[in-house]
Amino acid sequence: MPTCENEAGAENSVCLRYKRLPTDVWTLKEKPVKKTNVQWFLAVAVLLFFQNHLYAQRNPRATAKFDKAGKYVMVEYGRPSLKGRDMLAQLQPGKVWRMGADKSTTFTSNTNLSFAKVSIPQGSYSLWLRKINDEAFELVFNKTTGQWGTEHDVTQDFASVPLTREQNTQNVEQFTINLREAPKGGELELTWGTLILKAPFTLK
């Protein structure tokens, strides 16, 4: 019987097509995926992840710190710019703002604090600004830290502190948090545009 292996069937049209097919077609399922391809794919994925992360964190970050006799308060935050906007005026009453940009603002203290009648145990919190109305704001301490600045979980809110409001004679373009010494301890000050918000505290 003629077959593709003997001379009688060698010129058969089916055999000719078989011979023209590349060897890889018959061994494709048996070929393992090359490690270099997998490594290249992983490298690109990691690069894109970090590129997106760095792009998202596009605002500069700063740290404000108040230290007295080894007891300290520290705030780490992002610093957005106004760029012709009035961001706090756009904030709706009852809503919170991350008090910065990108990642949430982190408040850390190594001692217990008192904001008027509100006690804040030592530790780390995320800070939020809640607008009561156009004339009143309050500082919100949230037990979750490190989250993205729009991921506010109200169930994790620990305490709220009233803020006093002042009008600035100058327009501050970049959001700024200051920690200063005050007669009874320290004072946290938020400045942006022509608005100044303050909350005095004592160290225990």
N, C-alpha and C. Protein backbone atom coordinates (compact mmCIF):
# COMPACT_ATOMS: atom_id res chain seq x y z
N MET A 1 0.86 -1.20 0.00
CA MET A 1 0.00 0.00 0.00
C MET A 1 0.89 1.24 0.00
N PRO A 2 0.56 2.21 -0.83
CA PRO A 2 1.38 3.43 -0.85
C PRO A 2 1.18 4.23 0.44
N THR A 3 2.28 4.68 1.00
CA THR A 3 2.24 5.54 2.19
C THR A 3 3.21 6.70 1.97
N CYS A 4 3.11 7.70 2.90
CA CYS A 4 3.99 8.85 2.76
C CYS A 4 5.44 8.48 3.03
N GLU A 5 5.63 7.29 3.63
CA GLU A 5 6.98 6.89 3.97
C GLU A 5 7.66 6.11 2.84
N ASN A 6 6.84 5.51 1.90
CA ASN A 6 7.50 4.76 0.83
C ASN A 6 7.45 5.54 -0.48
N GLU A 7 8.17 5.06 -1.41
CA GLU A 7 8.34 5.78 -2.68
C GLU A 7 7.05 5.87 -3.46
N ALA A 8 6.17 4.86 -3.30
CA ALA A 8 4.93 4.83 -4.08
C ALA A 8 3.99 5.98 -3.70
N GLY A 9 4.00 6.32 -2.45
CA GLY A 9 3.07 7.37 -2.03
C GLY A 9 3.73 8.71 -1.82
N ALA A 10 4.98 8.84 -2.13
CA ALA A 10 5.73 10.05 -1.82
C ALA A 10 5.21 11.27 -2.56
N GLU A 11 4.66 11.04 -3.78
CA GLU A 11 4.18 12.17 -4.58
C GLU A 11 2.69 12.41 -4.40
N ASN A 12 2.06 11.66 -3.50
CA ASN A 12 0.65 11.86 -3.22
C ASN A 12 0.42 13.30 -2.75
N SER A 13 -0.69 13.91 -3.19
CA SER A 13 -0.93 15.33 -2.87
C SER A 13 -1.05 15.56 -1.36
N VAL A 14 -1.65 14.62 -0.67
CA VAL A 14 -1.77 14.75 0.78
C VAL A 14 -0.40 14.72 1.42
N CYS A 15 0.45 13.82 0.95
CA CYS A 15 1.80 13.72 1.50
C CYS A 15 2.60 14.99 1.23
N LEU A 16 2.39 15.57 0.05
CA LEU A 16 3.12 16.80 -0.27
C LEU A 16 2.74 17.92 0.68
N ARG A 17 1.42 18.04 0.98
CA ARG A 17 0.98 19.07 1.91
C ARG A 17 1.54 18.82 3.30
N TYR A 18 1.61 17.56 3.69
CA TYR A 18 2.16 17.19 4.99
C TYR A 18 3.62 17.62 5.08
N LYS A 19 4.38 17.42 4.00
CA LYS A 19 5.79 17.76 4.00
C LYS A 19 6.01 19.28 4.07
N ARG A 20 5.06 20.03 3.50
CA ARG A 20 5.24 21.48 3.48
C ARG A 20 4.95 22.13 4.84
N LEU A 21 4.20 21.41 5.67
CA LEU A 21 3.87 22.00 6.97
C LEU A 21 5.12 22.10 7.84
N PRO A 22 5.30 23.23 8.56
CA PRO A 22 6.48 23.36 9.44
C PRO A 22 6.40 22.38 10.60
N THR A 23 7.55 21.95 11.02
CA THR A 23 7.64 20.97 12.11
C THR A 23 6.94 21.46 13.37
N ASP A 24 6.98 22.78 13.63
CA ASP A 24 6.40 23.33 14.86
C ASP A 24 4.91 23.07 14.98
N VAL A 25 4.21 22.92 13.82
CA VAL A 25 2.77 22.71 13.87
C VAL A 25 2.44 21.42 14.61
N TRP A 26 3.29 20.41 14.42
CA TRP A 26 3.02 19.09 15.00
C TRP A 26 3.51 19.00 16.45
N THR A 27 4.33 19.94 16.85
CA THR A 27 4.90 19.85 18.21
C THR A 27 4.50 21.02 19.10
N LEU A 28 3.52 21.85 18.61
CA LEU A 28 3.17 23.07 19.32
C LEU A 28 2.67 22.78 20.74
N LYS A 29 1.82 21.78 20.88
CA LYS A 29 1.24 21.48 22.19
C LYS A 29 2.27 20.96 23.18
N GLU A 30 3.35 20.46 22.69
CA GLU A 30 4.36 19.88 23.56
C GLU A 30 5.40 20.91 24.01
N LYS A 31 5.40 22.10 23.38
CA LYS A 31 6.40 23.10 23.71
C LYS A 31 6.03 23.83 24.99
N PRO A 32 6.90 23.90 25.97
CA PRO A 32 6.60 24.66 27.19
C PRO A 32 6.74 26.16 26.92
N VAL A 33 6.00 26.96 27.70
CA VAL A 33 6.12 28.41 27.57
C VAL A 33 7.50 28.85 28.06
N LYS A 34 8.16 29.65 27.29
CA LYS A 34 9.50 30.07 27.66
C LYS A 34 9.47 30.95 28.89
N LYS A 35 10.40 30.72 29.81
CA LYS A 35 10.47 31.50 31.04
C LYS A 35 10.73 32.97 30.76
N THR A 36 11.49 33.22 29.70
CA THR A 36 11.83 34.61 29.38
C THR A 36 10.58 35.41 29.05
N ASN A 37 9.60 34.79 28.38
CA ASN A 37 8.36 35.48 28.05
C ASN A 37 7.57 35.81 29.31
N VAL A 38 7.52 34.86 30.25
CA VAL A 38 6.80 35.08 31.51
C VAL A 38 7.47 36.18 32.31
N GLN A 39 8.79 36.16 32.37
CA GLN A 39 9.53 37.17 33.11
C GLN A 39 9.33 38.55 32.49
N TRP A 40 9.30 38.60 31.18
CA TRP A 40 9.09 39.89 30.50
C TRP A 40 7.71 40.44 30.81
N PHE A 41 6.69 39.57 30.80
CA PHE A 41 5.32 40.00 31.09
C PHE A 41 5.21 40.52 32.52
N LEU A 42 5.83 39.82 33.48
CA LEU A 42 5.78 40.25 34.88
C LEU A 42 6.50 41.58 35.08
N ALA A 43 7.62 41.75 34.39
CA ALA A 43 8.38 43.00 34.52
C ALA A 43 7.57 44.19 34.01
N VAL A 44 6.87 44.01 32.89
CA VAL A 44 6.05 45.08 32.33
C VAL A 44 4.88 45.40 33.28
N ALA A 45 4.26 44.36 33.86
CA ALA A 45 3.14 44.57 34.77
C ALA A 45 3.57 45.35 36.01
N VAL A 46 4.73 45.00 36.58
CA VAL A 46 5.24 45.70 37.75
C VAL A 46 5.57 47.15 37.42
N LEU A 47 6.19 47.36 36.25
CA LEU A 47 6.53 48.72 35.82
C LEU A 47 5.29 49.59 35.67
N LEU A 48 4.23 49.05 35.07
CA LEU A 48 3.00 49.80 34.88
C LEU A 48 2.34 50.12 36.22
N PHE A 49 2.42 49.17 37.16
CA PHE A 49 1.83 49.39 38.49
C PHE A 49 2.49 50.57 39.18
N PHE A 50 3.83 50.57 39.23
CA PHE A 50 4.54 51.65 39.91
C PHE A 50 4.41 52.97 39.16
N GLN A 51 4.33 52.90 37.83
CA GLN A 51 4.16 54.13 37.05
C GLN A 51 2.82 54.78 37.37
N ASN A 52 1.76 53.96 37.45
CA ASN A 52 0.44 54.49 37.77
C ASN A 52 0.40 55.03 39.19
N HIS A 53 1.08 54.32 40.11
CA HIS A 53 1.11 54.75 41.51
C HIS A 53 1.81 56.10 41.65
N LEU A 54 2.94 56.25 40.97
CA LEU A 54 3.68 57.50 41.05
C LEU A 54 2.92 58.64 40.39
N TYR A 55 2.22 58.32 39.30
CA TYR A 55 1.44 59.36 38.63
C TYR A 55 0.29 59.82 39.52
N ALA A 56 -0.35 58.83 40.23
CA ALA A 56 -1.46 59.18 41.11
C ALA A 56 -1.01 60.08 42.24
N GLN A 57 0.21 59.81 42.78
CA GLN A 57 0.75 60.63 43.85
C GLN A 57 1.47 61.84 43.25
N ARG A 58 0.72 62.67 42.52
CA ARG A 58 1.35 63.75 41.77
C ARG A 58 1.52 65.03 42.57
N ASN A 59 0.90 65.13 43.76
CA ASN A 59 1.05 66.33 44.59
C ASN A 59 2.17 66.13 45.60
N PRO A 60 2.92 67.21 45.88
CA PRO A 60 3.99 67.08 46.88
C PRO A 60 3.41 66.79 48.25
N ARG A 61 4.20 66.12 49.10
CA ARG A 61 3.76 65.82 50.46
C ARG A 61 4.70 66.51 51.46
N ALA A 62 4.15 66.80 52.63
CA ALA A 62 4.93 67.52 53.64
C ALA A 62 4.59 66.94 55.02
N THR A 63 5.42 67.28 55.99
CA THR A 63 5.21 66.85 57.37
C THR A 63 5.32 68.05 58.30
N ALA A 64 4.32 68.21 59.15
CA ALA A 64 4.35 69.23 60.20
C ALA A 64 4.53 68.51 61.53
N LYS A 65 5.37 69.07 62.43
CA LYS A 65 5.63 68.39 63.69
C LYS A 65 5.75 69.39 64.83
N PHE A 66 5.17 69.03 65.97
CA PHE A 66 5.28 69.81 67.20
C PHE A 66 5.86 68.90 68.27
N ASP A 67 6.96 69.33 68.89
CA ASP A 67 7.67 68.50 69.88
C ASP A 67 7.92 69.32 71.13
N LYS A 68 7.52 68.76 72.28
CA LYS A 68 7.72 69.46 73.55
C LYS A 68 8.08 68.44 74.63
N ALA A 69 9.32 68.53 75.11
CA ALA A 69 9.81 67.64 76.17
C ALA A 69 9.64 66.17 75.82
N GLY A 70 9.88 65.83 74.56
CA GLY A 70 9.80 64.43 74.14
C GLY A 70 8.41 63.98 73.73
N LYS A 71 7.41 64.80 73.97
CA LYS A 71 6.06 64.48 73.54
C LYS A 71 5.81 65.21 72.21
N TYR A 72 5.31 64.48 71.22
CA TYR A 72 5.18 65.11 69.91
C TYR A 72 3.82 64.82 69.25
N VAL A 73 3.50 65.69 68.31
CA VAL A 73 2.36 65.54 67.41
C VAL A 73 2.88 65.75 66.00
N MET A 74 2.48 64.88 65.07
CA MET A 74 3.00 64.97 63.71
C MET A 74 1.86 64.74 62.71
N VAL A 75 1.88 65.52 61.63
CA VAL A 75 0.88 65.38 60.57
C VAL A 75 1.60 65.26 59.23
N GLU A 76 1.30 64.20 58.49
CA GLU A 76 1.88 63.98 57.17
C GLU A 76 0.75 64.08 56.15
N TYR A 77 0.93 64.94 55.11
CA TYR A 77 -0.20 65.25 54.23
C TYR A 77 0.26 65.64 52.83
N GLY A 78 -0.65 65.61 51.87
CA GLY A 78 -0.41 66.08 50.52
C GLY A 78 -0.73 67.56 50.42
N ARG A 79 -0.08 68.25 49.47
CA ARG A 79 -0.24 69.70 49.36
C ARG A 79 -0.75 70.12 47.98
N PRO A 80 -2.05 70.07 47.76
CA PRO A 80 -2.59 70.53 46.48
C PRO A 80 -2.55 72.05 46.38
N SER A 81 -2.65 72.55 45.16
CA SER A 81 -2.69 74.00 44.91
C SER A 81 -4.08 74.41 44.44
N LEU A 82 -4.43 75.66 44.68
CA LEU A 82 -5.76 76.15 44.31
C LEU A 82 -5.95 76.21 42.80
N LYS A 83 -4.97 76.77 42.09
CA LYS A 83 -5.03 76.91 40.64
C LYS A 83 -6.31 77.64 40.21
N GLY A 84 -6.62 78.73 40.92
CA GLY A 84 -7.79 79.54 40.55
C GLY A 84 -9.11 79.03 41.09
N ARG A 85 -9.10 77.93 41.86
CA ARG A 85 -10.34 77.36 42.39
C ARG A 85 -10.53 77.77 43.86
N ASP A 86 -11.75 77.59 44.35
CA ASP A 86 -12.03 77.77 45.77
C ASP A 86 -12.57 76.42 46.25
N MET A 87 -11.66 75.53 46.59
CA MET A 87 -12.02 74.14 46.87
C MET A 87 -12.92 73.98 48.09
N LEU A 88 -12.63 74.71 49.16
CA LEU A 88 -13.43 74.56 50.37
C LEU A 88 -14.83 75.14 50.19
N ALA A 89 -14.97 76.13 49.33
CA ALA A 89 -16.30 76.67 49.04
C ALA A 89 -17.12 75.66 48.25
N GLN A 90 -16.45 74.82 47.45
CA GLN A 90 -17.15 73.81 46.67
C GLN A 90 -17.59 72.61 47.50
N LEU A 91 -16.98 72.44 48.66
CA LEU A 91 -17.32 71.31 49.53
C LEU A 91 -18.74 71.48 50.05
N GLN A 92 -19.57 70.43 49.89
CA GLN A 92 -20.96 70.50 50.30
C GLN A 92 -21.10 70.32 51.81
N PRO A 93 -22.03 71.03 52.47
CA PRO A 93 -22.25 70.85 53.90
C PRO A 93 -22.55 69.38 54.24
N GLY A 94 -21.91 68.90 55.29
CA GLY A 94 -22.07 67.51 55.70
C GLY A 94 -21.05 66.57 55.08
N LYS A 95 -20.32 67.03 54.06
CA LYS A 95 -19.32 66.21 53.39
C LYS A 95 -17.95 66.43 54.02
N VAL A 96 -17.05 65.43 53.81
CA VAL A 96 -15.70 65.55 54.34
C VAL A 96 -14.69 65.69 53.20
N TRP A 97 -13.57 66.29 53.53
CA TRP A 97 -12.45 66.45 52.60
C TRP A 97 -11.22 65.83 53.24
N ARG A 98 -10.35 65.26 52.44
CA ARG A 98 -9.19 64.51 52.93
C ARG A 98 -8.12 65.38 53.61
N MET A 99 -8.29 66.69 53.59
CA MET A 99 -7.32 67.62 54.18
C MET A 99 -5.94 67.49 53.56
N GLY A 100 -5.93 67.47 52.25
CA GLY A 100 -4.67 67.34 51.53
C GLY A 100 -4.94 66.84 50.12
N ALA A 101 -4.12 65.88 49.68
CA ALA A 101 -4.29 65.32 48.34
C ALA A 101 -3.79 63.89 48.32
N ASP A 102 -4.29 63.11 47.34
CA ASP A 102 -3.85 61.74 47.12
C ASP A 102 -4.13 60.87 48.35
N LYS A 103 -3.11 60.29 48.95
CA LYS A 103 -3.30 59.45 50.13
C LYS A 103 -3.83 60.29 51.29
N SER A 104 -4.60 59.66 52.17
CA SER A 104 -5.19 60.40 53.28
C SER A 104 -4.13 61.01 54.19
N THR A 105 -4.53 62.07 54.89
CA THR A 105 -3.63 62.75 55.83
C THR A 105 -3.51 61.93 57.11
N THR A 106 -2.28 61.77 57.61
CA THR A 106 -2.04 60.95 58.80
C THR A 106 -1.61 61.80 59.98
N PHE A 107 -2.31 61.63 61.08
CA PHE A 107 -2.04 62.34 62.33
C PHE A 107 -1.48 61.32 63.32
N THR A 108 -0.30 61.63 63.91
CA THR A 108 0.34 60.70 64.85
C THR A 108 0.80 61.46 66.10
N SER A 109 0.55 60.87 67.26
CA SER A 109 1.01 61.45 68.52
C SER A 109 1.48 60.34 69.44
N ASN A 110 2.54 60.62 70.20
CA ASN A 110 3.05 59.63 71.15
C ASN A 110 2.55 59.90 72.57
N THR A 111 1.57 60.79 72.68
CA THR A 111 0.99 61.10 73.98
C THR A 111 -0.50 61.38 73.82
N ASN A 112 -1.25 61.22 74.90
CA ASN A 112 -2.68 61.54 74.86
C ASN A 112 -2.87 63.04 74.72
N LEU A 113 -3.90 63.41 73.99
CA LEU A 113 -4.18 64.82 73.72
C LEU A 113 -5.59 65.18 74.13
N SER A 114 -5.79 66.47 74.32
CA SER A 114 -7.12 66.98 74.61
C SER A 114 -7.39 68.19 73.73
N PHE A 115 -8.41 68.10 72.89
CA PHE A 115 -8.88 69.23 72.09
C PHE A 115 -10.14 69.74 72.79
N ALA A 116 -9.96 70.75 73.65
CA ALA A 116 -11.07 71.23 74.49
C ALA A 116 -11.60 70.05 75.31
N LYS A 117 -12.86 69.66 75.11
CA LYS A 117 -13.44 68.56 75.88
C LYS A 117 -13.28 67.20 75.20
N VAL A 118 -12.63 67.18 74.06
CA VAL A 118 -12.48 65.94 73.30
C VAL A 118 -11.10 65.33 73.55
N SER A 119 -11.07 64.09 74.03
CA SER A 119 -9.81 63.40 74.31
C SER A 119 -9.43 62.50 73.13
N ILE A 120 -8.16 62.60 72.72
CA ILE A 120 -7.64 61.78 71.62
C ILE A 120 -6.49 60.94 72.17
N PRO A 121 -6.65 59.63 72.31
CA PRO A 121 -5.57 58.78 72.80
C PRO A 121 -4.38 58.78 71.84
N GLN A 122 -3.20 58.54 72.37
CA GLN A 122 -2.01 58.49 71.52
C GLN A 122 -2.17 57.40 70.46
N GLY A 123 -1.53 57.62 69.32
CA GLY A 123 -1.64 56.68 68.21
C GLY A 123 -1.70 57.40 66.89
N SER A 124 -2.16 56.70 65.86
CA SER A 124 -2.25 57.28 64.51
C SER A 124 -3.69 57.26 64.02
N TYR A 125 -4.06 58.33 63.33
CA TYR A 125 -5.41 58.50 62.78
C TYR A 125 -5.29 59.15 61.40
N SER A 126 -6.33 58.98 60.60
CA SER A 126 -6.41 59.81 59.40
C SER A 126 -7.27 61.03 59.76
N LEU A 127 -6.90 62.17 59.20
CA LEU A 127 -7.60 63.42 59.49
C LEU A 127 -8.50 63.82 58.33
N TRP A 128 -9.69 64.32 58.66
CA TRP A 128 -10.65 64.76 57.65
C TRP A 128 -11.25 66.09 58.08
N LEU A 129 -11.67 66.87 57.12
CA LEU A 129 -12.31 68.15 57.40
C LEU A 129 -13.78 68.03 56.99
N ARG A 130 -14.66 68.21 57.96
CA ARG A 130 -16.09 68.16 57.64
C ARG A 130 -16.66 69.58 57.65
N LYS A 131 -17.39 69.89 56.59
CA LYS A 131 -18.02 71.20 56.48
C LYS A 131 -19.42 71.15 57.10
N ILE A 132 -19.65 71.97 58.12
CA ILE A 132 -20.97 72.05 58.73
C ILE A 132 -21.85 72.99 57.92
N ASN A 133 -21.31 74.18 57.64
CA ASN A 133 -21.94 75.16 56.74
C ASN A 133 -20.83 76.08 56.24
N ASP A 134 -21.18 77.14 55.57
CA ASP A 134 -20.16 78.03 55.00
C ASP A 134 -19.30 78.71 56.06
N GLU A 135 -19.77 78.74 57.29
CA GLU A 135 -19.04 79.43 58.35
C GLU A 135 -18.41 78.48 59.37
N ALA A 136 -18.73 77.20 59.33
CA ALA A 136 -18.27 76.28 60.38
C ALA A 136 -17.71 74.98 59.80
N PHE A 137 -16.59 74.56 60.38
CA PHE A 137 -15.94 73.31 60.00
C PHE A 137 -15.55 72.55 61.27
N GLU A 138 -15.34 71.25 61.13
CA GLU A 138 -14.84 70.47 62.25
C GLU A 138 -13.79 69.47 61.77
N LEU A 139 -12.87 69.14 62.66
CA LEU A 139 -11.79 68.21 62.40
C LEU A 139 -12.24 66.82 62.81
N VAL A 140 -12.11 65.85 61.92
CA VAL A 140 -12.56 64.48 62.18
C VAL A 140 -11.37 63.54 62.27
N PHE A 141 -11.31 62.78 63.37
CA PHE A 141 -10.27 61.77 63.56
C PHE A 141 -10.87 60.41 63.21
N ASN A 142 -10.23 59.73 62.25
CA ASN A 142 -10.70 58.42 61.79
C ASN A 142 -9.66 57.36 62.14
N LYS A 143 -10.12 56.21 62.62
CA LYS A 143 -9.21 55.17 63.12
C LYS A 143 -8.45 54.44 62.01
N THR A 144 -8.85 54.60 60.74
CA THR A 144 -8.17 53.95 59.63
C THR A 144 -7.12 54.90 59.04
N THR A 145 -5.93 54.39 58.74
CA THR A 145 -4.88 55.20 58.14
C THR A 145 -4.36 54.55 56.86
N GLY A 146 -3.74 55.37 56.00
CA GLY A 146 -3.11 54.85 54.80
C GLY A 146 -4.04 54.64 53.63
N GLN A 147 -5.33 54.91 53.78
CA GLN A 147 -6.27 54.71 52.68
C GLN A 147 -6.17 55.85 51.67
N TRP A 148 -6.70 55.62 50.47
CA TRP A 148 -6.77 56.68 49.47
C TRP A 148 -7.70 57.76 49.99
N GLY A 149 -7.43 58.99 49.62
CA GLY A 149 -8.11 60.13 50.23
C GLY A 149 -9.60 60.23 50.01
N THR A 150 -10.18 59.44 49.11
CA THR A 150 -11.63 59.48 48.94
C THR A 150 -12.32 58.32 49.64
N GLU A 151 -11.54 57.45 50.25
CA GLU A 151 -12.09 56.24 50.89
C GLU A 151 -12.36 56.49 52.37
N HIS A 152 -13.30 57.35 52.65
CA HIS A 152 -13.64 57.68 54.03
C HIS A 152 -14.75 56.76 54.53
N ASP A 153 -14.42 55.99 55.56
CA ASP A 153 -15.38 55.08 56.18
C ASP A 153 -15.90 55.75 57.45
N VAL A 154 -17.13 56.24 57.39
CA VAL A 154 -17.68 56.99 58.51
C VAL A 154 -17.81 56.13 59.77
N THR A 155 -17.91 54.82 59.60
CA THR A 155 -18.03 53.94 60.77
C THR A 155 -16.74 53.89 61.58
N GLN A 156 -15.63 54.34 60.98
CA GLN A 156 -14.35 54.36 61.67
C GLN A 156 -14.02 55.73 62.28
N ASP A 157 -14.93 56.68 62.16
CA ASP A 157 -14.71 57.99 62.78
C ASP A 157 -14.68 57.85 64.30
N PHE A 158 -13.64 58.40 64.91
CA PHE A 158 -13.46 58.26 66.35
C PHE A 158 -13.95 59.49 67.11
N ALA A 159 -13.65 60.69 66.61
CA ALA A 159 -14.04 61.91 67.32
C ALA A 159 -14.03 63.08 66.35
N SER A 160 -14.78 64.13 66.71
CA SER A 160 -14.83 65.36 65.92
C SER A 160 -14.50 66.54 66.82
N VAL A 161 -13.74 67.49 66.28
CA VAL A 161 -13.29 68.64 67.05
C VAL A 161 -13.69 69.93 66.31
N PRO A 162 -14.37 70.86 66.97
CA PRO A 162 -14.73 72.13 66.32
C PRO A 162 -13.48 72.93 65.97
N LEU A 163 -13.54 73.64 64.85
CA LEU A 163 -12.44 74.49 64.41
C LEU A 163 -12.88 75.95 64.44
N THR A 164 -11.98 76.80 64.90
CA THR A 164 -12.26 78.24 64.82
C THR A 164 -11.87 78.73 63.44
N ARG A 165 -12.58 79.74 62.96
CA ARG A 165 -12.39 80.22 61.59
C ARG A 165 -11.90 81.65 61.60
N GLU A 166 -10.88 81.92 60.76
CA GLU A 166 -10.35 83.28 60.62
C GLU A 166 -10.17 83.59 59.15
N GLN A 167 -10.14 84.87 58.84
CA GLN A 167 -9.90 85.30 57.46
C GLN A 167 -8.45 85.71 57.33
N ASN A 168 -7.78 85.18 56.33
CA ASN A 168 -6.37 85.50 56.10
C ASN A 168 -6.25 86.77 55.25
N THR A 169 -5.27 87.59 55.56
CA THR A 169 -5.05 88.81 54.77
C THR A 169 -4.34 88.51 53.45
N GLN A 170 -3.73 87.32 53.38
CA GLN A 170 -3.04 86.89 52.17
C GLN A 170 -3.72 85.66 51.59
N ASN A 171 -3.49 85.44 50.30
CA ASN A 171 -4.04 84.26 49.64
C ASN A 171 -2.96 83.18 49.57
N VAL A 172 -3.18 82.07 50.25
CA VAL A 172 -2.21 80.96 50.27
C VAL A 172 -2.56 79.97 49.17
N GLU A 173 -1.70 79.86 48.17
CA GLU A 173 -1.96 79.03 47.00
C GLU A 173 -1.94 77.53 47.33
N GLN A 174 -0.98 77.12 48.13
CA GLN A 174 -0.78 75.69 48.39
C GLN A 174 -1.27 75.34 49.81
N PHE A 175 -2.08 74.30 49.90
CA PHE A 175 -2.64 73.90 51.19
C PHE A 175 -1.52 73.65 52.20
N THR A 176 -1.68 74.22 53.41
CA THR A 176 -0.62 74.16 54.42
C THR A 176 -1.19 73.79 55.78
N ILE A 177 -0.51 72.87 56.47
CA ILE A 177 -0.83 72.53 57.86
C ILE A 177 0.35 72.92 58.73
N ASN A 178 0.08 73.68 59.78
CA ASN A 178 1.12 74.07 60.73
C ASN A 178 0.78 73.55 62.13
N LEU A 179 1.80 73.19 62.87
CA LEU A 179 1.66 72.83 64.28
C LEU A 179 2.53 73.79 65.07
N ARG A 180 1.89 74.57 65.96
CA ARG A 180 2.62 75.60 66.68
C ARG A 180 2.40 75.45 68.19
N GLU A 181 3.32 76.06 68.94
CA GLU A 181 3.16 76.09 70.39
C GLU A 181 2.09 77.11 70.75
N ALA A 182 1.29 76.79 71.74
CA ALA A 182 0.23 77.68 72.22
C ALA A 182 0.31 77.76 73.74
N PRO A 183 -0.38 78.74 74.36
CA PRO A 183 -0.29 78.92 75.81
C PRO A 183 -0.55 77.66 76.62
N LYS A 184 -1.48 76.81 76.20
CA LYS A 184 -1.81 75.61 76.97
C LYS A 184 -1.27 74.33 76.34
N GLY A 185 -0.43 74.46 75.35
CA GLY A 185 0.13 73.27 74.69
C GLY A 185 0.51 73.58 73.26
N GLY A 186 -0.35 73.17 72.33
CA GLY A 186 -0.06 73.40 70.93
C GLY A 186 -1.31 73.79 70.16
N GLU A 187 -1.15 74.03 68.88
CA GLU A 187 -2.27 74.43 68.03
C GLU A 187 -2.08 73.88 66.63
N LEU A 188 -3.12 73.28 66.09
CA LEU A 188 -3.10 72.80 64.71
C LEU A 188 -3.80 73.85 63.85
N GLU A 189 -3.12 74.26 62.78
CA GLU A 189 -3.65 75.32 61.92
C GLU A 189 -3.68 74.86 60.47
N LEU A 190 -4.82 75.04 59.83
CA LEU A 190 -4.99 74.74 58.40
C LEU A 190 -5.14 76.05 57.65
N THR A 191 -4.37 76.23 56.59
CA THR A 191 -4.43 77.46 55.80
C THR A 191 -4.54 77.11 54.32
N TRP A 192 -5.55 77.73 53.66
CA TRP A 192 -5.70 77.56 52.21
C TRP A 192 -6.53 78.69 51.67
N GLY A 193 -6.05 79.31 50.63
CA GLY A 193 -6.74 80.48 50.11
C GLY A 193 -6.69 81.58 51.15
N THR A 194 -7.84 82.16 51.47
CA THR A 194 -7.91 83.21 52.49
C THR A 194 -8.54 82.69 53.78
N LEU A 195 -8.61 81.38 53.92
CA LEU A 195 -9.25 80.77 55.09
C LEU A 195 -8.21 80.16 56.03
N ILE A 196 -8.38 80.43 57.32
CA ILE A 196 -7.53 79.82 58.35
C ILE A 196 -8.44 79.11 59.35
N LEU A 197 -8.17 77.84 59.61
CA LEU A 197 -8.93 77.05 60.58
C LEU A 197 -7.97 76.56 61.65
N LYS A 198 -8.38 76.68 62.92
CA LYS A 198 -7.48 76.34 64.03
C LYS A 198 -8.16 75.44 65.05
N ALA A 199 -7.31 74.61 65.70
CA ALA A 199 -7.78 73.75 66.79
C ALA A 199 -6.67 73.66 67.83
N PRO A 200 -6.82 74.32 69.00
CA PRO A 200 -5.80 74.21 70.06
C PRO A 200 -5.92 72.88 70.79
N PHE A 201 -4.78 72.41 71.34
CA PHE A 201 -4.79 71.14 72.07
C PHE A 201 -3.79 71.21 73.22
N THR A 202 -3.97 70.32 74.16
CA THR A 202 -3.03 70.18 75.28
C THR A 202 -2.49 68.77 75.28
N LEU A 203 -1.24 68.64 75.74
CA LEU A 203 -0.58 67.34 75.85
C LEU A 203 -0.70 66.83 77.27
N LYS A 204 -1.00 65.54 77.41
CA LYS A 204 -1.16 64.98 78.75
C LYS A 204 0.04 64.11 79.13
